[in-house]
Protein backbone atom coordinates (compact mmCIF):
# COMPACT_ATOMS: atom_id res chain seq x y z
CA MET A 1 108.16 93.75 101.08
CA VAL A 2 107.41 94.63 97.48
CA LYS A 3 106.88 98.29 96.56
CA VAL A 4 105.95 100.24 93.42
CA GLU A 5 105.77 104.00 92.89
CA ILE A 6 104.15 106.05 90.15
CA SER A 7 104.18 109.80 89.70
CA GLN A 8 101.83 111.38 87.16
CA GLY A 9 100.60 114.56 88.79
CA VAL A 10 99.36 112.19 91.47
CA TYR A 11 101.96 110.24 93.43
CA VAL A 12 101.04 106.67 94.37
CA THR A 13 102.99 104.12 96.38
CA CYS A 14 101.75 100.58 96.89
CA GLU A 15 103.53 98.02 98.98
CA LEU A 16 102.78 94.52 100.17
CA LYS A 17 104.11 93.44 103.55
CA ASP A 18 104.06 89.92 104.94
CA SER A 19 102.96 89.67 108.57
CA GLY A 20 103.23 85.88 108.76
CA THR A 21 99.56 84.85 108.74
CA TYR A 22 98.42 87.28 106.06
CA LYS A 23 99.71 90.01 103.78
CA ILE A 24 99.05 93.71 104.23
CA LEU A 25 98.54 95.91 101.17
CA ILE A 26 99.19 99.60 101.79
CA CYS A 27 98.60 102.17 99.05
CA GLU A 28 98.97 105.91 99.51
CA LEU A 29 97.80 108.45 96.99
CA ARG A 30 99.24 111.96 97.30
CA ARG A 31 98.57 115.13 95.36
CA GLN A 32 100.93 118.09 95.80
CA GLY A 33 102.59 116.26 98.69
CA ARG A 34 99.40 115.91 100.71
CA LEU A 35 97.90 112.54 101.55
CA GLY A 36 94.61 112.16 99.71
CA LEU A 37 93.82 108.49 100.22
CA ARG A 38 95.28 105.56 102.10
CA ILE A 39 94.18 102.01 101.39
CA TYR A 40 95.02 99.43 104.02
CA GLU A 41 93.84 95.91 103.18
CA LYS A 42 94.57 92.56 104.80
CA ILE A 43 94.71 89.99 102.04
CA ASN A 44 95.23 86.25 102.02
CA ASP A 45 96.71 85.91 98.55
CA ILE A 46 97.80 87.91 95.55
CA LYS A 47 94.56 87.18 93.66
CA GLU A 48 92.80 89.63 95.95
CA ILE A 49 94.82 92.45 94.35
CA GLU A 50 93.03 91.61 91.09
CA GLU A 51 89.70 92.14 92.89
CA LEU A 52 90.86 95.59 94.00
CA ILE A 53 91.82 96.47 90.43
CA ARG A 54 88.33 95.51 89.24
CA ARG A 55 86.43 97.43 91.93
CA PRO A 56 84.10 100.12 90.62
CA ARG A 57 85.76 103.51 90.31
CA TRP A 58 85.84 105.28 93.65
CA LEU A 59 88.09 108.22 92.79
CA GLY A 60 88.36 110.88 90.12
CA LYS A 61 89.43 109.63 86.69
CA GLU A 62 93.11 110.63 86.96
CA SER A 63 93.62 109.34 90.51
CA ASP A 64 91.70 106.14 89.86
CA GLY A 65 93.73 105.38 86.73
CA VAL A 66 97.06 105.90 88.47
CA LEU A 67 96.02 103.79 91.46
CA ARG A 68 94.86 100.93 89.21
CA ARG A 69 98.13 101.17 87.26
CA ALA A 70 100.14 100.94 90.50
CA LEU A 71 98.12 97.92 91.65
CA THR A 72 98.62 96.26 88.25
CA MET A 73 102.38 96.88 88.42
CA LEU A 74 102.47 95.44 91.94
CA ARG A 75 100.53 92.34 90.85
CA ASP A 76 102.84 91.85 87.86
CA LYS A 77 105.95 92.32 90.00
CA LEU A 78 104.67 89.74 92.49
CA GLY A 79 103.93 87.33 89.64
CA ASP A 80 107.56 87.62 88.53
CA LEU A 81 108.69 86.60 92.03
CA ASP A 82 106.82 83.26 91.92
């Protein structure tokens, strides 16, 4: 499991778990302690995280920016593990 956390008014955690056949990406976005968004994606490889980063904006500017930053940090951290 690889996990990153960012707190900038919005708290985001993203983690990647290995289930054997595929990987599971779980991101949670919280504001003032309350869950605002949960992303649960089954992915086959790390390149799919890049696709998530490039998706059109689906949140408000602040939340979207923090989520993309967390995904970028996760991708970079996974690249360092190779």
